[in-house]
Amino acid sequence: MSLKSDCEASVLEYAPLHKQLNAHMFDEYKEYISVVITLHRDEYEVQKANGDSTFVLSEGAKQILKEQNPF
């Protein structure tokens, strides 16, 4: 896999597509979905700048997402 596809897979692990669609259409879990995407986007940019070839979500980000997970 690549950095981008690894990141996309990780986003889906924390925020499945149907949850993302519900957040967009009905404002369900909108804040949590936003946190998932923001944390992944920030981590991705750092790893891309470092020249990494695989995406790994930091333990700190994992902990934040675990604590805030509403479902």
C-alpha atoms as a PDB file:
ATOM      1  CA  MET A   1       0.000   0.000   0.000  1.00  0.00           C
ATOM      2  CA  SER A   2       1.007   3.628  -0.188  1.00  0.00           C
ATOM      3  CA  LEU A   3       1.053   6.474   2.298  1.00  0.00           C
ATOM      4  CA  LYS A   4      -2.209   7.823   0.866  1.00  0.00           C
ATOM      5  CA  SER A   5      -4.065   4.507   0.739  1.00  0.00           C
ATOM      6  CA  ASP A   6      -2.844   3.581   4.237  1.00  0.00           C
ATOM      7  CA  CYS A   7      -4.160   6.901   5.526  1.00  0.00           C
ATOM      8  CA  GLU A   8      -7.506   6.451   3.775  1.00  0.00           C
ATOM      9  CA  ALA A   9      -7.863   2.948   5.242  1.00  0.00           C
ATOM     10  CA  SER A  10      -7.088   4.293   8.703  1.00  0.00           C
ATOM     11  CA  VAL A  11      -9.726   7.034   8.360  1.00  0.00           C
ATOM     12  CA  LEU A  12     -12.301   4.396   7.430  1.00  0.00           C
ATOM     13  CA  GLU A  13     -11.300   2.315  10.441  1.00  0.00           C
ATOM     14  CA  TYR A  14     -12.237   5.176  12.778  1.00  0.00           C
ATOM     15  CA  ALA A  15     -15.004   6.751  10.676  1.00  0.00           C
ATOM     16  CA  PRO A  16     -16.686   4.317   8.285  1.00  0.00           C
ATOM     17  CA  LEU A  17     -18.102   5.847   5.131  1.00  0.00           C
ATOM     18  CA  HIS A  18     -21.727   5.509   6.246  1.00  0.00           C
ATOM     19  CA  LYS A  19     -20.905   7.448   9.442  1.00  0.00           C
ATOM     20  CA  GLN A  20     -19.202  10.150   7.369  1.00  0.00           C
ATOM     21  CA  LEU A  21     -22.252  10.406   5.118  1.00  0.00           C
ATOM     22  CA  ASN A  22     -24.582  10.618   8.124  1.00  0.00           C
ATOM     23  CA  ALA A  23     -22.397  13.352   9.594  1.00  0.00           C
ATOM     24  CA  HIS A  24     -22.659  15.309   6.373  1.00  0.00           C
ATOM     25  CA  MET A  25     -26.363  14.785   5.770  1.00  0.00           C
ATOM     26  CA  PHE A  26     -27.774  14.732   9.308  1.00  0.00           C
ATOM     27  CA  ASP A  27     -25.031  16.233  11.516  1.00  0.00           C
ATOM     28  CA  GLU A  28     -24.698  12.906  13.376  1.00  0.00           C
ATOM     29  CA  TYR A  29     -21.283  12.564  15.036  1.00  0.00           C
ATOM     30  CA  LYS A  30     -20.108  15.557  13.002  1.00  0.00           C
ATOM     31  CA  GLU A  31     -17.596  16.732  15.611  1.00  0.00           C
ATOM     32  CA  TYR A  32     -15.998  13.285  15.979  1.00  0.00           C
ATOM     33  CA  ILE A  33     -15.786  12.773  12.196  1.00  0.00           C
ATOM     34  CA  SER A  34     -14.112  16.174  11.914  1.00  0.00           C
ATOM     35  CA  VAL A  35     -11.543  15.194  14.555  1.00  0.00           C
ATOM     36  CA  VAL A  36     -10.830  11.909  12.748  1.00  0.00           C
ATOM     37  CA  ILE A  37     -10.234  13.652   9.443  1.00  0.00           C
ATOM     38  CA  THR A  38      -8.213  16.512  10.932  1.00  0.00           C
ATOM     39  CA  LEU A  39      -5.897  14.231  12.917  1.00  0.00           C
ATOM     40  CA  HIS A  40      -5.323  12.014   9.890  1.00  0.00           C
ATOM     41  CA  ARG A  41      -4.753  14.985   7.579  1.00  0.00           C
ATOM     42  CA  ASP A  42      -2.192  16.514   9.942  1.00  0.00           C
ATOM     43  CA  GLU A  43      -0.371  13.196  10.455  1.00  0.00           C
ATOM     44  CA  TYR A  44      -0.393  12.550   6.699  1.00  0.00           C
ATOM     45  CA  GLU A  45       1.193  15.901   5.892  1.00  0.00           C
ATOM     46  CA  VAL A  46       3.979  15.359   8.445  1.00  0.00           C
ATOM     47  CA  GLN A  47       4.693  11.850   7.193  1.00  0.00           C
ATOM     48  CA  LYS A  48       4.578  12.974   3.557  1.00  0.00           C
ATOM     49  CA  ALA A  49       7.085  15.758   4.315  1.00  0.00           C
ATOM     50  CA  ASN A  50       9.315  13.169   6.020  1.00  0.00           C
ATOM     51  CA  GLY A  51       9.237  10.996   2.893  1.00  0.00           C
ATOM     52  CA  ASP A  52       7.503   8.095   4.633  1.00  0.00           C
ATOM     53  CA  SER A  53       6.038   5.420   2.360  1.00  0.00           C
ATOM     54  CA  THR A  54       3.513   3.953   4.806  1.00  0.00           C
ATOM     55  CA  PHE A  55       1.063   5.735   7.070  1.00  0.00           C
ATOM     56  CA  VAL A  56       1.019   5.052  10.806  1.00  0.00           C
ATOM     57  CA  LEU A  57      -1.332   6.970  13.084  1.00  0.00           C
ATOM     58  CA  SER A  58       0.489   8.123  16.217  1.00  0.00           C
ATOM     59  CA  GLU A  59      -0.385   6.556  19.560  1.00  0.00           C
ATOM     60  CA  GLY A  60      -1.471   9.970  20.840  1.00  0.00           C
ATOM     61  CA  ALA A  61      -3.942  10.385  17.982  1.00  0.00           C
ATOM     62  CA  LYS A  62      -5.214   6.827  18.487  1.00  0.00           C
ATOM     63  CA  GLN A  63      -5.833   7.562  22.150  1.00  0.00           C
ATOM     64  CA  ILE A  64      -7.723  10.776  21.380  1.00  0.00           C
ATOM     65  CA  LEU A  65      -9.940   8.958  18.878  1.00  0.00           C
ATOM     66  CA  LYS A  66     -10.539   6.080  21.274  1.00  0.00           C
ATOM     67  CA  GLU A  67     -11.577   8.446  24.068  1.00  0.00           C
ATOM     68  CA  GLN A  68     -13.876  10.530  21.849  1.00  0.00           C
ATOM     69  CA  ASN A  69     -15.464   7.692  19.866  1.00  0.00           C
ATOM     70  CA  PRO A  70     -19.248   8.107  20.235  1.00  0.00           C
ATOM     71  CA  PHE A  71     -20.149   4.748  18.702  1.00  0.00           C
END
